[in-house]
C-alpha atoms as a PDB file:
ATOM      1  CA  MET A   1    -171.646-135.433 -55.362  1.00  0.00           C
ATOM      2  CA  GLU A   2    -169.452-136.471 -52.177  1.00  0.00           C
ATOM      3  CA  ILE A   3    -165.807-139.002 -52.284  1.00  0.00           C
ATOM      4  CA  TRP A   4    -164.376-140.772 -50.781  1.00  0.00           C
ATOM      5  CA  SER A   5    -160.848-141.737 -50.686  1.00  0.00           C
ATOM      6  CA  ASP A   6    -159.304-145.038 -50.015  1.00  0.00           C
ATOM      7  CA  ILE A   7    -157.292-143.121 -47.412  1.00  0.00           C
ATOM      8  CA  LEU A   8    -158.110-144.309 -43.466  1.00  0.00           C
ATOM      9  CA  GLN A   9    -156.676-141.755 -41.142  1.00  0.00           C
ATOM     10  CA  GLU A  10    -155.425-143.306 -38.328  1.00  0.00           C
ATOM     11  CA  PRO A  11    -153.998-140.865 -35.112  1.00  0.00           C
ATOM     12  CA  LYS A  12    -150.132-141.440 -34.062  1.00  0.00           C
ATOM     13  CA  PHE A  13    -148.696-142.767 -31.111  1.00  0.00           C
ATOM     14  CA  PRO A  14    -146.106-143.179 -29.278  1.00  0.00           C
ATOM     15  CA  PRO A  15    -143.749-145.598 -29.259  1.00  0.00           C
ATOM     16  CA  VAL A  16    -142.870-147.944 -26.263  1.00  0.00           C
ATOM     17  CA  THR A  17    -139.941-147.258 -24.402  1.00  0.00           C
ATOM     18  CA  ILE A  18    -139.894-148.090 -20.870  1.00  0.00           C
ATOM     19  CA  ALA A  19    -141.795-151.338 -20.990  1.00  0.00           C
ATOM     20  CA  ASN A  20    -140.002-152.819 -22.725  1.00  0.00           C
ATOM     21  CA  PHE A  21    -137.211-152.294 -20.428  1.00  0.00           C
ATOM     22  CA  VAL A  22    -137.972-152.574 -17.001  1.00  0.00           C
ATOM     23  CA  ARG A  23    -137.930-155.851 -15.293  1.00  0.00           C
ATOM     24  CA  ASP A  24    -141.050-157.859 -16.775  1.00  0.00           C
ATOM     25  CA  LEU A  25    -143.118-160.016 -14.275  1.00  0.00           C
ATOM     26  CA  SER A  26    -145.416-161.601 -16.248  1.00  0.00           C
ATOM     27  CA  PRO A  27    -144.434-165.027 -16.759  1.00  0.00           C
ATOM     28  CA  TYR A  28    -144.806-165.002 -12.750  1.00  0.00           C
ATOM     29  CA  MET A  29    -148.435-164.198 -12.841  1.00  0.00           C
ATOM     30  CA  VAL A  30    -149.828-166.577 -15.983  1.00  0.00           C
ATOM     31  CA  ALA A  31    -150.585-169.607 -13.093  1.00  0.00           C
ATOM     32  CA  GLY A  32    -153.033-166.080 -11.466  1.00  0.00           C
ATOM     33  CA  GLY A  33    -152.515-164.028  -8.065  1.00  0.00           C
ATOM     34  CA  ASP A  34    -152.913-160.691  -8.370  1.00  0.00           C
ATOM     35  CA  ILE A  35    -149.649-160.115  -6.196  1.00  0.00           C
ATOM     36  CA  VAL A  36    -145.641-160.628  -7.362  1.00  0.00           C
ATOM     37  CA  HIS A  37    -143.061-161.242  -4.363  1.00  0.00           C
ATOM     38  CA  VAL A  38    -139.617-159.988  -5.365  1.00  0.00           C
ATOM     39  CA  PRO A  39    -137.090-160.509  -1.936  1.00  0.00           C
ATOM     40  CA  ASP A  40    -135.137-157.815  -2.311  1.00  0.00           C
ATOM     41  CA  ILE A  41    -131.264-159.699  -0.097  1.00  0.00           C
ATOM     42  CA  PHE A  42    -129.688-156.114  -0.924  1.00  0.00           C
ATOM     43  CA  THR A  43    -130.626-154.907   1.803  1.00  0.00           C
ATOM     44  CA  ASN A  44    -128.197-156.507   3.586  1.00  0.00           C
ATOM     45  CA  VAL A  45    -125.484-155.374   5.108  1.00  0.00           C
ATOM     46  CA  PHE A  46    -122.875-158.261   5.638  1.00  0.00           C
ATOM     47  CA  SER A  47    -119.818-157.511   7.913  1.00  0.00           C
ATOM     48  CA  VAL A  48    -116.628-158.840   7.453  1.00  0.00           C
ATOM     49  CA  GLY A  49    -115.045-161.423   9.975  1.00  0.00           C
ATOM     50  CA  THR A  50    -111.497-161.833  10.797  1.00  0.00           C
ATOM     51  CA  GLN A  51    -110.339-165.322  12.285  1.00  0.00           C
ATOM     52  CA  THR A  52    -107.871-164.126  14.836  1.00  0.00           C
ATOM     53  CA  THR A  53    -107.981-167.707  16.519  1.00  0.00           C
ATOM     54  CA  GLN A  54    -107.230-170.352  14.486  1.00  0.00           C
ATOM     55  CA  GLY A  55    -110.838-173.026  15.004  1.00  0.00           C
ATOM     56  CA  ALA A  56    -112.228-170.272  17.401  1.00  0.00           C
ATOM     57  CA  ALA A  57    -115.669-170.518  15.985  1.00  0.00           C
ATOM     58  CA  VAL A  58    -116.834-167.797  13.636  1.00  0.00           C
ATOM     59  CA  VAL A  59    -119.683-165.514  14.287  1.00  0.00           C
ATOM     60  CA  ASP A  60    -122.998-165.723  12.342  1.00  0.00           C
ATOM     61  CA  GLU A  61    -125.366-162.380  11.410  1.00  0.00           C
ATOM     62  CA  SER A  62    -128.409-162.140  10.508  1.00  0.00           C
ATOM     63  CA  VAL A  63    -129.323-162.290   6.924  1.00  0.00           C
ATOM     64  CA  ALA A  64    -132.130-159.467   6.043  1.00  0.00           C
ATOM     65  CA  SER A  65    -134.507-159.450   3.401  1.00  0.00           C
ATOM     66  CA  VAL A  66    -137.320-157.030   2.137  1.00  0.00           C
ATOM     67  CA  ASP A  67    -140.084-158.164   0.632  1.00  0.00           C
ATOM     68  CA  VAL A  68    -140.557-155.970  -2.744  1.00  0.00           C
ATOM     69  CA  THR A  69    -144.134-156.983  -3.496  1.00  0.00           C
ATOM     70  CA  LEU A  70    -145.810-155.635  -7.418  1.00  0.00           C
ATOM     71  CA  THR A  71    -149.668-155.895  -7.699  1.00  0.00           C
ATOM     72  CA  VAL A  72    -151.773-156.231 -10.608  1.00  0.00           C
ATOM     73  CA  ASN A  73    -153.958-153.555  -9.961  1.00  0.00           C
ATOM     74  CA  ASN A  74    -155.513-152.100 -13.471  1.00  0.00           C
ATOM     75  CA  HIS A  75    -157.782-153.846 -15.743  1.00  0.00           C
ATOM     76  CA  ARG A  76    -158.719-151.271 -18.789  1.00  0.00           C
ATOM     77  CA  TYR A  77    -160.721-151.347 -21.446  1.00  0.00           C
ATOM     78  CA  ILE A  78    -161.840-149.542 -24.943  1.00  0.00           C
ATOM     79  CA  ALA A  79    -165.201-150.676 -25.663  1.00  0.00           C
ATOM     80  CA  TRP A  80    -167.494-149.058 -29.103  1.00  0.00           C
ATOM     81  CA  ILE A  81    -170.332-150.788 -31.174  1.00  0.00           C
ATOM     82  CA  ILE A  82    -170.189-150.559 -34.907  1.00  0.00           C
ATOM     83  CA  GLY A  83    -173.989-150.529 -36.263  1.00  0.00           C
ATOM     84  CA  ASP A  84    -175.686-152.630 -38.617  1.00  0.00           C
ATOM     85  CA  LYS A  85    -175.791-149.789 -41.615  1.00  0.00           C
ATOM     86  CA  ASP A  86    -171.831-147.806 -40.817  1.00  0.00           C
ATOM     87  CA  MET A  87    -170.553-152.010 -40.967  1.00  0.00           C
ATOM     88  CA  LYS A  88    -172.914-152.570 -44.672  1.00  0.00           C
ATOM     89  CA  GLN A  89    -172.144-148.508 -46.422  1.00  0.00           C
ATOM     90  CA  LEU A  90    -168.684-148.108 -44.096  1.00  0.00           C
ATOM     91  CA  ALA A  91    -166.882-151.887 -43.669  1.00  0.00           C
ATOM     92  CA  SER A  92    -167.122-152.681 -47.111  1.00  0.00           C
ATOM     93  CA  LYS A  93    -164.498-149.739 -48.165  1.00  0.00           C
ATOM     94  CA  TYR A  94    -162.892-149.231 -45.098  1.00  0.00           C
ATOM     95  CA  PRO A  95    -161.909-151.827 -42.441  1.00  0.00           C
ATOM     96  CA  LEU A  96    -163.212-149.884 -39.600  1.00  0.00           C
ATOM     97  CA  ASN A  97    -162.854-152.621 -36.930  1.00  0.00           C
ATOM     98  CA  GLU A  98    -159.168-153.336 -37.757  1.00  0.00           C
ATOM     99  CA  ALA A  99    -158.776-149.793 -37.228  1.00  0.00           C
ATOM    100  CA  TYR A 100    -160.252-149.049 -34.213  1.00  0.00           C
ATOM    101  CA  ILE A 101    -159.206-152.154 -32.184  1.00  0.00           C
ATOM    102  CA  ARG A 102    -154.948-150.939 -33.727  1.00  0.00           C
ATOM    103  CA  GLU A 103    -155.738-147.651 -31.620  1.00  0.00           C
ATOM    104  CA  ALA A 104    -157.401-149.214 -28.653  1.00  0.00           C
ATOM    105  CA  LYS A 105    -154.180-151.168 -28.505  1.00  0.00           C
ATOM    106  CA  ARG A 106    -151.401-148.252 -28.641  1.00  0.00           C
ATOM    107  CA  LEU A 107    -154.272-146.172 -26.221  1.00  0.00           C
ATOM    108  CA  LEU A 108    -153.919-149.313 -23.700  1.00  0.00           C
ATOM    109  CA  ILE A 109    -150.229-149.390 -23.896  1.00  0.00           C
ATOM    110  CA  ARG A 110    -149.664-145.892 -23.479  1.00  0.00           C
ATOM    111  CA  THR A 111    -151.716-146.506 -20.544  1.00  0.00           C
ATOM    112  CA  ILE A 112    -148.999-149.071 -19.142  1.00  0.00           C
ATOM    113  CA  GLU A 113    -145.921-146.296 -19.999  1.00  0.00           C
ATOM    114  CA  ASP A 114    -147.727-143.298 -18.418  1.00  0.00           C
ATOM    115  CA  SER A 115    -147.893-145.849 -15.009  1.00  0.00           C
ATOM    116  CA  LEU A 116    -144.473-146.197 -15.100  1.00  0.00           C
ATOM    117  CA  PHE A 117    -143.250-143.008 -16.035  1.00  0.00           C
ATOM    118  CA  ALA A 118    -145.718-141.404 -13.595  1.00  0.00           C
ATOM    119  CA  LEU A 119    -143.625-143.797 -10.963  1.00  0.00           C
ATOM    120  CA  TRP A 120    -141.118-140.699 -11.050  1.00  0.00           C
ATOM    121  CA  SER A 121    -142.512-139.590  -7.700  1.00  0.00           C
ATOM    122  CA  SER A 122    -141.440-142.436  -5.720  1.00  0.00           C
ATOM    123  CA  VAL A 123    -137.910-141.777  -6.224  1.00  0.00           C
ATOM    124  CA  THR A 124    -136.515-139.397  -3.654  1.00  0.00           C
ATOM    125  CA  THR A 125    -132.454-141.140  -3.377  1.00  0.00           C
ATOM    126  CA  ASN A 126    -131.345-139.673  -6.476  1.00  0.00           C
ATOM    127  CA  THR A 127    -132.445-136.625  -7.942  1.00  0.00           C
ATOM    128  CA  VAL A 128    -130.683-134.478 -10.350  1.00  0.00           C
ATOM    129  CA  GLY A 129    -131.600-130.951 -12.205  1.00  0.00           C
ATOM    130  CA  ASP A 130    -134.257-128.366 -11.156  1.00  0.00           C
ATOM    131  CA  THR A 131    -137.719-126.937 -12.403  1.00  0.00           C
ATOM    132  CA  ALA A 132    -136.227-123.481 -14.050  1.00  0.00           C
ATOM    133  CA  THR A 133    -133.102-124.333 -15.257  1.00  0.00           C
ATOM    134  CA  VAL A 134    -132.041-126.671 -18.473  1.00  0.00           C
ATOM    135  CA  LEU A 135    -130.683-129.787 -18.113  1.00  0.00           C
ATOM    136  CA  THR A 136    -126.176-129.266 -17.295  1.00  0.00           C
ATOM    137  CA  ASP A 137    -123.739-131.879 -18.494  1.00  0.00           C
ATOM    138  CA  LYS A 138    -122.836-131.823 -15.066  1.00  0.00           C
ATOM    139  CA  GLU A 139    -126.931-133.206 -13.690  1.00  0.00           C
ATOM    140  CA  ILE A 140    -125.650-135.321 -16.306  1.00  0.00           C
ATOM    141  CA  ARG A 141    -122.539-136.815 -15.007  1.00  0.00           C
ATOM    142  CA  GLU A 142    -124.092-136.614 -11.381  1.00  0.00           C
ATOM    143  CA  ALA A 143    -126.673-138.982 -12.157  1.00  0.00           C
ATOM    144  CA  ILE A 144    -124.224-141.150 -13.519  1.00  0.00           C
ATOM    145  CA  ASP A 145    -122.421-141.047 -10.497  1.00  0.00           C
ATOM    146  CA  ALA A 146    -125.288-141.770  -7.605  1.00  0.00           C
ATOM    147  CA  LEU A 147    -125.594-145.470  -9.559  1.00  0.00           C
ATOM    148  CA  ASP A 148    -122.113-145.681  -9.835  1.00  0.00           C
ATOM    149  CA  SER A 149    -121.244-145.105  -6.744  1.00  0.00           C
ATOM    150  CA  THR A 150    -123.685-147.355  -5.552  1.00  0.00           C
ATOM    151  CA  ASP A 151    -122.096-149.932  -7.334  1.00  0.00           C
ATOM    152  CA  TYR A 152    -125.506-150.730 -10.072  1.00  0.00           C
ATOM    153  CA  GLU A 153    -124.038-152.293 -13.257  1.00  0.00           C
ATOM    154  CA  LEU A 154    -123.942-149.120 -15.711  1.00  0.00           C
ATOM    155  CA  SER A 155    -124.166-151.373 -18.495  1.00  0.00           C
ATOM    156  CA  ASP A 156    -127.968-152.171 -17.648  1.00  0.00           C
ATOM    157  CA  CYS A 157    -128.889-148.970 -17.133  1.00  0.00           C
ATOM    158  CA  ALA A 158    -130.860-146.089 -20.039  1.00  0.00           C
ATOM    159  CA  TRP A 159    -131.277-142.421 -20.603  1.00  0.00           C
ATOM    160  CA  PHE A 160    -135.223-142.063 -20.719  1.00  0.00           C
ATOM    161  CA  PHE A 161    -136.000-138.655 -21.526  1.00  0.00           C
ATOM    162  CA  HIS A 162    -138.453-136.127 -22.720  1.00  0.00           C
ATOM    163  CA  PRO A 163    -137.647-135.089 -26.915  1.00  0.00           C
ATOM    164  CA  THR A 164    -137.687-131.621 -25.667  1.00  0.00           C
ATOM    165  CA  VAL A 165    -135.181-131.856 -23.349  1.00  0.00           C
ATOM    166  CA  TYR A 166    -133.217-134.558 -25.862  1.00  0.00           C
ATOM    167  CA  TRP A 167    -133.388-131.870 -29.081  1.00  0.00           C
ATOM    168  CA  MET A 168    -133.519-128.292 -27.340  1.00  0.00           C
ATOM    169  CA  GLN A 169    -131.216-128.573 -24.287  1.00  0.00           C
ATOM    170  CA  ILE A 170    -128.955-132.020 -24.286  1.00  0.00           C
ATOM    171  CA  SER A 171    -128.299-131.934 -28.060  1.00  0.00           C
ATOM    172  CA  GLY A 172    -127.563-128.208 -27.663  1.00  0.00           C
ATOM    173  CA  ILE A 173    -124.208-129.136 -25.293  1.00  0.00           C
ATOM    174  CA  GLN A 174    -121.167-129.127 -27.506  1.00  0.00           C
ATOM    175  CA  LYS A 175    -119.122-130.637 -25.606  1.00  0.00           C
ATOM    176  CA  TYR A 176    -121.468-133.558 -27.007  1.00  0.00           C
ATOM    177  CA  TYR A 177    -122.032-133.242 -30.381  1.00  0.00           C
ATOM    178  CA  ASP A 178    -118.365-132.004 -31.223  1.00  0.00           C
ATOM    179  CA  ALA A 179    -115.875-134.336 -31.438  1.00  0.00           C
ATOM    180  CA  ASN A 180    -113.083-131.623 -31.496  1.00  0.00           C
ATOM    181  CA  GLN A 181    -114.202-130.567 -27.226  1.00  0.00           C
ATOM    182  CA  ARG A 182    -112.419-134.388 -26.613  1.00  0.00           C
ATOM    183  CA  GLY A 183    -109.759-134.930 -29.044  1.00  0.00           C
ATOM    184  CA  GLU A 184    -111.717-138.595 -29.983  1.00  0.00           C
ATOM    185  CA  LYS A 185    -115.428-139.160 -31.278  1.00  0.00           C
ATOM    186  CA  SER A 186    -118.454-137.423 -29.249  1.00  0.00           C
ATOM    187  CA  VAL A 187    -120.313-137.911 -26.176  1.00  0.00           C
ATOM    188  CA  LEU A 188    -123.542-138.242 -28.178  1.00  0.00           C
ATOM    189  CA  THR A 189    -122.405-141.554 -30.117  1.00  0.00           C
ATOM    190  CA  SER A 190    -124.896-143.257 -32.258  1.00  0.00           C
ATOM    191  CA  GLY A 191    -124.896-147.062 -31.873  1.00  0.00           C
ATOM    192  CA  VAL A 192    -126.558-150.842 -31.166  1.00  0.00           C
ATOM    193  CA  LEU A 193    -128.387-151.556 -28.265  1.00  0.00           C
ATOM    194  CA  GLY A 194    -129.029-154.848 -28.856  1.00  0.00           C
ATOM    195  CA  PRO A 195    -132.543-156.913 -29.267  1.00  0.00           C
ATOM    196  CA  ILE A 196    -134.848-154.900 -27.005  1.00  0.00           C
ATOM    197  CA  GLU A 197    -133.562-151.832 -29.023  1.00  0.00           C
ATOM    198  CA  ASN A 198    -136.014-153.052 -32.375  1.00  0.00           C
ATOM    199  CA  LYS A 199    -138.986-154.220 -30.359  1.00  0.00           C
ATOM    200  CA  ARG A 200    -142.273-152.131 -31.091  1.00  0.00           C
ATOM    201  CA  GLY A 201    -140.633-148.969 -32.620  1.00  0.00           C
ATOM    202  CA  GLN A 202    -138.811-147.872 -29.274  1.00  0.00           C
ATOM    203  CA  GLU A 203    -137.173-144.537 -29.680  1.00  0.00           C
ATOM    204  CA  PHE A 204    -133.502-144.928 -29.806  1.00  0.00           C
ATOM    205  CA  LYS A 205    -131.399-142.179 -30.322  1.00  0.00           C
ATOM    206  CA  GLY A 206    -127.549-143.669 -29.950  1.00  0.00           C
ATOM    207  CA  HIS A 207    -125.611-143.176 -26.187  1.00  0.00           C
ATOM    208  CA  LEU A 208    -124.727-141.227 -23.841  1.00  0.00           C
ATOM    209  CA  TYR A 209    -121.825-141.672 -21.523  1.00  0.00           C
ATOM    210  CA  ASP A 210    -121.704-145.280 -23.040  1.00  0.00           C
ATOM    211  CA  ILE A 211    -125.871-145.132 -21.691  1.00  0.00           C
ATOM    212  CA  PRO A 212    -128.017-145.685 -24.442  1.00  0.00           C
ATOM    213  CA  VAL A 213    -130.597-142.862 -24.382  1.00  0.00           C
ATOM    214  CA  PHE A 214    -134.061-143.312 -25.869  1.00  0.00           C
ATOM    215  CA  THR A 215    -136.668-140.411 -26.134  1.00  0.00           C
ATOM    216  CA  SER A 216    -140.299-140.863 -25.088  1.00  0.00           C
ATOM    217  CA  SER A 217    -143.918-138.744 -25.386  1.00  0.00           C
ATOM    218  CA  ARG A 218    -144.845-139.895 -21.961  1.00  0.00           C
ATOM    219  CA  VAL A 219    -141.765-138.517 -19.496  1.00  0.00           C
ATOM    220  CA  VAL A 220    -143.738-137.032 -17.747  1.00  0.00           C
ATOM    221  CA  SER A 221    -144.275-133.182 -17.259  1.00  0.00           C
ATOM    222  CA  GLY A 222    -145.948-130.552 -14.694  1.00  0.00           C
ATOM    223  CA  LEU A 223    -144.735-127.717 -12.752  1.00  0.00           C
ATOM    224  CA  GLN A 224    -142.697-126.434 -15.767  1.00  0.00           C
ATOM    225  CA  THR A 225    -140.599-129.511 -15.069  1.00  0.00           C
ATOM    226  CA  TYR A 226    -139.999-132.973 -17.203  1.00  0.00           C
ATOM    227  CA  ARG A 227    -139.521-135.799 -15.112  1.00  0.00           C
ATOM    228  CA  ASN A 228    -136.674-137.591 -16.854  1.00  0.00           C
ATOM    229  CA  LEU A 229    -135.233-140.858 -15.908  1.00  0.00           C
ATOM    230  CA  LEU A 230    -131.875-142.545 -15.398  1.00  0.00           C
ATOM    231  CA  LEU A 231    -133.206-146.164 -14.556  1.00  0.00           C
ATOM    232  CA  HIS A 232    -130.902-150.018 -13.520  1.00  0.00           C
ATOM    233  CA  LYS A 233    -133.697-152.197 -15.350  1.00  0.00           C
ATOM    234  CA  ASP A 234    -134.354-153.325 -11.338  1.00  0.00           C
ATOM    235  CA  ALA A 235    -135.375-149.684 -10.658  1.00  0.00           C
ATOM    236  CA  PHE A 236    -139.425-150.830 -11.920  1.00  0.00           C
ATOM    237  CA  GLY A 237    -141.353-153.803 -12.553  1.00  0.00           C
ATOM    238  CA  LEU A 238    -144.306-154.679 -14.891  1.00  0.00           C
ATOM    239  CA  ALA A 239    -146.259-157.396 -15.009  1.00  0.00           C
ATOM    240  CA  VAL A 240    -149.869-157.972 -17.540  1.00  0.00           C
ATOM    241  CA  GLN A 241    -151.846-160.296 -16.705  1.00  0.00           C
ATOM    242  CA  THR A 242    -154.267-160.089 -19.990  1.00  0.00           C
ATOM    243  CA  LEU A 243    -155.804-163.407 -21.252  1.00  0.00           C
ATOM    244  CA  SER A 244    -154.713-164.055 -25.000  1.00  0.00           C
ATOM    245  CA  GLY A 245    -151.000-163.213 -23.415  1.00  0.00           C
ATOM    246  CA  GLY A 246    -150.265-159.933 -24.524  1.00  0.00           C
ATOM    247  CA  MET A 247    -150.077-156.730 -23.972  1.00  0.00           C
ATOM    248  CA  ALA A 248    -154.066-156.461 -24.919  1.00  0.00           C
ATOM    249  CA  ARG A 249    -156.609-158.372 -25.922  1.00  0.00           C
ATOM    250  CA  ALA A 250    -159.306-157.818 -28.394  1.00  0.00           C
ATOM    251  CA  GLN A 251    -162.583-159.966 -28.609  1.00  0.00           C
ATOM    252  CA  MET A 252    -165.732-159.127 -30.744  1.00  0.00           C
ATOM    253  CA  GLU A 253    -169.589-159.863 -30.299  1.00  0.00           C
ATOM    254  CA  TYR A 254    -172.353-159.297 -32.679  1.00  0.00           C
ATOM    255  CA  LYS A 255    -175.097-157.424 -30.467  1.00  0.00           C
ATOM    256  CA  LEU A 256    -178.586-158.799 -31.668  1.00  0.00           C
ATOM    257  CA  GLU A 257    -180.792-155.463 -29.299  1.00  0.00           C
ATOM    258  CA  ASN A 258    -177.761-153.023 -30.618  1.00  0.00           C
ATOM    259  CA  LEU A 259    -178.558-154.205 -34.386  1.00  0.00           C
ATOM    260  CA  GLY A 260    -173.757-154.110 -34.359  1.00  0.00           C
ATOM    261  CA  THR A 261    -171.059-155.748 -33.459  1.00  0.00           C
ATOM    262  CA  LEU A 262    -169.463-155.107 -30.249  1.00  0.00           C
ATOM    263  CA  ALA A 263    -165.835-154.468 -30.240  1.00  0.00           C
ATOM    264  CA  VAL A 264    -164.093-154.293 -26.706  1.00  0.00           C
ATOM    265  CA  VAL A 265    -160.158-154.185 -26.290  1.00  0.00           C
ATOM    266  CA  ASP A 266    -158.907-154.485 -22.915  1.00  0.00           C
ATOM    267  CA  THR A 267    -155.438-155.108 -20.116  1.00  0.00           C
ATOM    268  CA  ILE A 268    -154.724-155.945 -17.587  1.00  0.00           C
ATOM    269  CA  TYR A 269    -151.079-155.005 -15.215  1.00  0.00           C
ATOM    270  CA  GLY A 270    -149.695-153.558 -12.379  1.00  0.00           C
ATOM    271  CA  VAL A 271    -146.249-151.551 -12.304  1.00  0.00           C
ATOM    272  CA  GLY A 272    -144.319-150.609  -9.591  1.00  0.00           C
ATOM    273  CA  VAL A 273    -141.114-149.713  -7.806  1.00  0.00           C
ATOM    274  CA  LEU A 274    -138.826-152.107  -6.808  1.00  0.00           C
ATOM    275  CA  ARG A 275    -135.411-150.743  -6.158  1.00  0.00           C
ATOM    276  CA  GLU A 276    -135.849-146.874  -5.549  1.00  0.00           C
ATOM    277  CA  PRO A 277    -132.126-146.403  -5.316  1.00  0.00           C
ATOM    278  CA  ALA A 278    -131.909-147.775  -8.369  1.00  0.00           C
ATOM    279  CA  ALA A 279    -133.556-144.721 -10.564  1.00  0.00           C
ATOM    280  CA  VAL A 280    -132.744-141.087 -10.886  1.00  0.00           C
ATOM    281  CA  LEU A 281    -134.894-138.770 -11.345  1.00  0.00           C
ATOM    282  CA  VAL A 282    -133.399-136.443 -14.277  1.00  0.00           C
ATOM    283  CA  ASN A 283    -135.480-132.686 -13.813  1.00  0.00           C
ATOM    284  CA  ALA A 284    -135.163-130.107 -16.573  1.00  0.00           C
ATOM    285  CA  ASN A 285    -136.872-126.805 -16.882  1.00  0.00           C
ATOM    286  CA  THR A 286    -139.572-127.228 -19.883  1.00  0.00           C
ATOM    287  CA  SER A 287    -139.200-124.139 -21.894  1.00  0.00           C
ATOM    288  CA  SER A 288    -135.411-123.678 -21.544  1.00  0.00           C
ATOM    289  CA  VAL A 289    -133.277-123.973 -24.479  1.00  0.00           C
ATOM    290  CA  THR A 290    -129.618-124.814 -24.634  1.00  0.00           C
ATOM    291  CA  SER A 291    -128.466-121.834 -27.347  1.00  0.00           C
END
C-alpha cells in the first residue's frame, strides 16, 4: 500500500542580490523598444580657466560624452504540460502548477542574476586579488581605494562575495571579528542597509569598512577563482521588459490536442556595463582557507 504525504518538496534557490542593487532601467522600456541609451557625461574632462584680464572673452571647450547603451535581447522561458490524468489524480492533493510556477520564476530570476554576475569579465580597469590565494585585508582595502580615489561615492557601493569567500576567507581575518584589534567596534559589523535589504530575501551580511556586504552562490566560479565584485550602483544596468510588468510572467492554457494544461513562464531582459571604472573585480582562490 502506497501512502502519499501532504509534503511537497520544493527546490532551494539562491535569493536575488545583485539584480536588486544595480541601476534598474526597466521603466524606460515600458513603452517598447529594444535599446536604452545612457549618456555618460563623466567622460568629459573640463579645465579650470583663469580670468587674468577683466572683460576678455572666455575660452570655451567642446563638451564630450559617451553614448552607453543597454540592449534588451534575452527572452527566456520554461514550459510544461500536466496531463488530465495527473491533474485529476495528483493536483487535487498537491498544487502542482502553482509549485511549478514558483520554481520556474525562481529559475528565470536566477538566470538574470547569472547574466549580471557574468559581467565580471568586462571589468578591466580595477582588479585586485589573485587566482592562487585567499582574499586578504590588503586586497579588500585596495578595492575600496580604487573607487574612493576616483571619487565614486562609497555610500552607493556594495560588496558581492561568494559564500565560500565570506565564510572561509573573510570571516577568518582576525582584524574583522576581533574588536580588540582596533580598540573599537570590529570592521565587519552587522547593520541596516535600508529598503533594498528586505527585497526578495537578499543575503545581507552586514558592513565591511562601512560598505554593505552581500553573499550569493551565483558569483562566478571558474579556473579555481571566485569572481567577487565591489560595485557602485551605476556600474551595471538591468532592464526587464516582461509584459506582466514583473520579473517573470506566468500563463496557462488548456490544450485539447494534448489533453492537458500548458503552462509557460517567461521573462524578457537585458543587462550591460554602464560605467566600467565604477566596478572592482575581486579575485579569490576557490579552495584556499584563512586559518
